[in-house]
Amino acid sequence: EVLLVESGGGLVQAGGSLRVSCAASGFTFDNYVIGWFRHAPGKEREGISCISSSDGSTVYADSMKGRFTISTNSAKNTVYLQMNNLKPEDTAVYHCAAERTPSCPGPGTLNSDAFYYGMRYWGKGTLVTVSS
């Protein structure tokens, strides 16, 4: 069974940091891209970042660049999203997703329907709450 399980969410004060994880089982990340998305009540979904397991290349949404860092530990089949200088508007459920393709999309297309609906496997998400 293929599973993606997010963890590491929680409550943090504005300006703080949090690292969320995405652990995969039932498949390996070889030749996959892993994306992070977030959903906040009353807001449109957002594509945050993507990492390619093929070449390690990364892509970030402009609004997260410099604050968020995506990384992977192949030995653990886990992808991480390090989030620094968190803001109340970062409050959301954070999901990871995976698709078997060698390359991430360009930063301008992280929010595209094609990228979002093209992801094959999804985790259930982890809630991040940033208090002011």
C-alpha atoms as a PDB file:
ATOM      1  CA  GLU A   1       0.000   0.000   0.000  1.00  0.00           C
ATOM      2  CA  VAL A   2       1.292   3.424  -0.935  1.00  0.00           C
ATOM      3  CA  LEU A   3       1.188   5.940   1.876  1.00  0.00           C
ATOM      4  CA  LEU A   4       2.371   9.481   2.430  1.00  0.00           C
ATOM      5  CA  VAL A   5       2.214  10.555   6.042  1.00  0.00           C
ATOM      6  CA  GLU A   6       2.856  14.100   7.146  1.00  0.00           C
ATOM      7  CA  SER A   7       3.951  14.974  10.640  1.00  0.00           C
ATOM      8  CA  GLY A   8       5.480  17.811  12.595  1.00  0.00           C
ATOM      9  CA  GLY A   9       2.650  20.295  12.505  1.00  0.00           C
ATOM     10  CA  GLY A  10       1.602  22.161  15.600  1.00  0.00           C
ATOM     11  CA  LEU A  11       1.177  25.525  17.227  1.00  0.00           C
ATOM     12  CA  VAL A  12       3.959  28.068  16.945  1.00  0.00           C
ATOM     13  CA  GLN A  13       4.232  31.778  17.622  1.00  0.00           C
ATOM     14  CA  ALA A  14       4.756  34.250  14.830  1.00  0.00           C
ATOM     15  CA  GLY A  15       8.422  34.487  13.985  1.00  0.00           C
ATOM     16  CA  GLY A  16       9.027  30.907  15.031  1.00  0.00           C
ATOM     17  CA  SER A  17      10.074  27.872  13.036  1.00  0.00           C
ATOM     18  CA  LEU A  18       8.661  24.458  12.355  1.00  0.00           C
ATOM     19  CA  ARG A  19       9.724  21.486  10.272  1.00  0.00           C
ATOM     20  CA  VAL A  20       7.093  19.248   8.773  1.00  0.00           C
ATOM     21  CA  SER A  21       7.915  15.836   7.368  1.00  0.00           C
ATOM     22  CA  CYS A  22       6.472  13.643   4.662  1.00  0.00           C
ATOM     23  CA  ALA A  23       7.291   9.966   5.035  1.00  0.00           C
ATOM     24  CA  ALA A  24       6.589   7.632   2.147  1.00  0.00           C
ATOM     25  CA  SER A  25       5.954   3.921   2.285  1.00  0.00           C
ATOM     26  CA  GLY A  26       5.020   1.459  -0.414  1.00  0.00           C
ATOM     27  CA  PHE A  27       7.202   3.160  -2.977  1.00  0.00           C
ATOM     28  CA  THR A  28      10.523   4.913  -3.207  1.00  0.00           C
ATOM     29  CA  PHE A  29      11.115   8.468  -4.299  1.00  0.00           C
ATOM     30  CA  ASP A  30      13.215   7.447  -7.309  1.00  0.00           C
ATOM     31  CA  ASN A  31      12.095   9.414 -10.359  1.00  0.00           C
ATOM     32  CA  TYR A  32       9.388  11.192  -8.399  1.00  0.00           C
ATOM     33  CA  VAL A  33       8.762  14.797  -7.598  1.00  0.00           C
ATOM     34  CA  ILE A  34       7.445  15.624  -4.166  1.00  0.00           C
ATOM     35  CA  GLY A  35       5.388  18.729  -3.674  1.00  0.00           C
ATOM     36  CA  TRP A  36       4.119  20.568  -0.632  1.00  0.00           C
ATOM     37  CA  PHE A  37       0.757  22.302  -0.735  1.00  0.00           C
ATOM     38  CA  ARG A  38      -1.326  24.050   1.864  1.00  0.00           C
ATOM     39  CA  HIS A  39      -5.009  24.632   2.389  1.00  0.00           C
ATOM     40  CA  ALA A  40      -6.328  27.318   4.691  1.00  0.00           C
ATOM     41  CA  PRO A  41     -10.016  27.899   5.473  1.00  0.00           C
ATOM     42  CA  GLY A  42     -11.514  30.474   3.186  1.00  0.00           C
ATOM     43  CA  LYS A  43      -8.436  30.649   1.004  1.00  0.00           C
ATOM     44  CA  GLU A  44      -7.408  29.063  -2.245  1.00  0.00           C
ATOM     45  CA  ARG A  45      -4.968  26.192  -2.087  1.00  0.00           C
ATOM     46  CA  GLU A  46      -1.332  27.110  -2.536  1.00  0.00           C
ATOM     47  CA  GLY A  47       1.528  25.233  -4.043  1.00  0.00           C
ATOM     48  CA  ILE A  48       4.519  25.831  -1.790  1.00  0.00           C
ATOM     49  CA  SER A  49       7.482  23.941  -3.110  1.00  0.00           C
ATOM     50  CA  CYS A  50       8.637  20.975  -5.133  1.00  0.00           C
ATOM     51  CA  ILE A  51      11.740  18.814  -5.115  1.00  0.00           C
ATOM     52  CA  SER A  52      12.882  16.392  -7.775  1.00  0.00           C
ATOM     53  CA  SER A  53      14.378  13.116  -6.596  1.00  0.00           C
ATOM     54  CA  SER A  54      16.090  12.757  -9.974  1.00  0.00           C
ATOM     55  CA  ASP A  55      18.422  15.720  -9.675  1.00  0.00           C
ATOM     56  CA  GLY A  56      17.602  17.334  -6.348  1.00  0.00           C
ATOM     57  CA  SER A  57      16.380  20.516  -7.982  1.00  0.00           C
ATOM     58  CA  THR A  58      13.916  22.588  -6.001  1.00  0.00           C
ATOM     59  CA  VAL A  59      11.250  25.138  -6.811  1.00  0.00           C
ATOM     60  CA  TYR A  60       9.514  27.562  -4.480  1.00  0.00           C
ATOM     61  CA  ALA A  61       6.536  29.826  -4.696  1.00  0.00           C
ATOM     62  CA  ASP A  62       7.722  33.414  -4.628  1.00  0.00           C
ATOM     63  CA  SER A  63       5.927  34.169  -1.375  1.00  0.00           C
ATOM     64  CA  MET A  64       7.754  31.352   0.436  1.00  0.00           C
ATOM     65  CA  LYS A  65      11.187  31.797  -1.063  1.00  0.00           C
ATOM     66  CA  GLY A  66      13.724  32.596   1.586  1.00  0.00           C
ATOM     67  CA  ARG A  67      11.540  31.398   4.456  1.00  0.00           C
ATOM     68  CA  PHE A  68      10.790  27.799   3.480  1.00  0.00           C
ATOM     69  CA  THR A  69      13.300  25.105   2.537  1.00  0.00           C
ATOM     70  CA  ILE A  70      12.467  21.721   1.055  1.00  0.00           C
ATOM     71  CA  SER A  71      14.852  18.817   1.429  1.00  0.00           C
ATOM     72  CA  THR A  72      14.888  15.072   1.199  1.00  0.00           C
ATOM     73  CA  ASN A  73      16.449  12.146   3.007  1.00  0.00           C
ATOM     74  CA  SER A  74      16.439   9.322   0.494  1.00  0.00           C
ATOM     75  CA  ALA A  75      17.588   6.766   3.038  1.00  0.00           C
ATOM     76  CA  LYS A  76      14.497   7.518   5.104  1.00  0.00           C
ATOM     77  CA  ASN A  77      12.226   8.066   2.095  1.00  0.00           C
ATOM     78  CA  THR A  78      11.216  11.312   3.693  1.00  0.00           C
ATOM     79  CA  VAL A  79      10.863  14.876   2.470  1.00  0.00           C
ATOM     80  CA  TYR A  80      10.988  17.828   4.817  1.00  0.00           C
ATOM     81  CA  LEU A  81       9.737  21.373   4.705  1.00  0.00           C
ATOM     82  CA  GLN A  82      11.598  23.695   7.038  1.00  0.00           C
ATOM     83  CA  MET A  83       9.559  26.810   7.724  1.00  0.00           C
ATOM     84  CA  ASN A  84      11.154  29.846   9.316  1.00  0.00           C
ATOM     85  CA  ASN A  85       9.866  33.265  10.319  1.00  0.00           C
ATOM     86  CA  LEU A  86       6.340  31.922  10.330  1.00  0.00           C
ATOM     87  CA  LYS A  87       3.431  34.331  10.035  1.00  0.00           C
ATOM     88  CA  PRO A  88      -0.207  33.967  11.083  1.00  0.00           C
ATOM     89  CA  GLU A  89      -1.144  33.798   7.411  1.00  0.00           C
ATOM     90  CA  ASP A  90       0.910  30.598   7.154  1.00  0.00           C
ATOM     91  CA  THR A  91      -1.744  28.848   9.235  1.00  0.00           C
ATOM     92  CA  ALA A  92      -3.060  25.977   7.132  1.00  0.00           C
ATOM     93  CA  VAL A  93      -3.137  22.234   6.656  1.00  0.00           C
ATOM     94  CA  TYR A  94       0.062  21.246   4.903  1.00  0.00           C
ATOM     95  CA  HIS A  95      -0.060  18.319   2.497  1.00  0.00           C
ATOM     96  CA  CYS A  96       2.653  16.524   0.616  1.00  0.00           C
ATOM     97  CA  ALA A  97       2.066  14.796  -2.681  1.00  0.00           C
ATOM     98  CA  ALA A  98       4.092  12.739  -5.116  1.00  0.00           C
ATOM     99  CA  GLU A  99       4.106  12.131  -8.823  1.00  0.00           C
ATOM    100  CA  ARG A 100       6.352   9.966 -10.988  1.00  0.00           C
ATOM    101  CA  THR A 101       7.971  12.539 -13.200  1.00  0.00           C
ATOM    102  CA  PRO A 102      11.577  13.707 -13.322  1.00  0.00           C
ATOM    103  CA  SER A 103      11.089  17.444 -13.095  1.00  0.00           C
ATOM    104  CA  CYS A 104       9.245  19.957 -10.976  1.00  0.00           C
ATOM    105  CA  PRO A 105       7.240  22.649 -12.700  1.00  0.00           C
ATOM    106  CA  GLY A 106       8.400  26.202 -12.926  1.00  0.00           C
ATOM    107  CA  PRO A 107       7.727  28.422  -9.898  1.00  0.00           C
ATOM    108  CA  GLY A 108       4.936  30.174 -11.682  1.00  0.00           C
ATOM    109  CA  THR A 109       3.008  26.941 -12.136  1.00  0.00           C
ATOM    110  CA  LEU A 110       3.145  25.526  -8.603  1.00  0.00           C
ATOM    111  CA  ASN A 111      -0.456  26.689  -8.184  1.00  0.00           C
ATOM    112  CA  SER A 112      -1.633  25.304 -11.488  1.00  0.00           C
ATOM    113  CA  ASP A 113      -4.443  22.770 -11.719  1.00  0.00           C
ATOM    114  CA  ALA A 114      -2.195  20.636 -13.899  1.00  0.00           C
ATOM    115  CA  PHE A 115       0.419  20.297 -11.182  1.00  0.00           C
ATOM    116  CA  TYR A 116      -2.056  19.894  -8.331  1.00  0.00           C
ATOM    117  CA  TYR A 117      -4.330  17.358  -9.991  1.00  0.00           C
ATOM    118  CA  GLY A 118      -1.400  15.605 -11.610  1.00  0.00           C
ATOM    119  CA  MET A 119      -0.018  14.443  -8.287  1.00  0.00           C
ATOM    120  CA  ARG A 120      -0.628  10.749  -7.877  1.00  0.00           C
ATOM    121  CA  TYR A 121      -0.224  10.185  -4.161  1.00  0.00           C
ATOM    122  CA  TRP A 122      -1.359  12.440  -1.331  1.00  0.00           C
ATOM    123  CA  GLY A 123      -0.960  12.577   2.387  1.00  0.00           C
ATOM    124  CA  LYS A 124      -3.773  13.559   4.716  1.00  0.00           C
ATOM    125  CA  GLY A 125      -2.003  16.644   5.926  1.00  0.00           C
ATOM    126  CA  THR A 126      -0.666  18.145   9.109  1.00  0.00           C
ATOM    127  CA  LEU A 127      -2.058  21.297  10.697  1.00  0.00           C
ATOM    128  CA  VAL A 128       0.218  24.249  11.272  1.00  0.00           C
ATOM    129  CA  THR A 129      -1.154  27.052  13.404  1.00  0.00           C
ATOM    130  CA  VAL A 130       0.765  30.290  13.808  1.00  0.00           C
ATOM    131  CA  SER A 131      -0.363  32.568  16.598  1.00  0.00           C
ATOM    132  CA  SER A 132       0.166  36.311  16.546  1.00  0.00           C
END
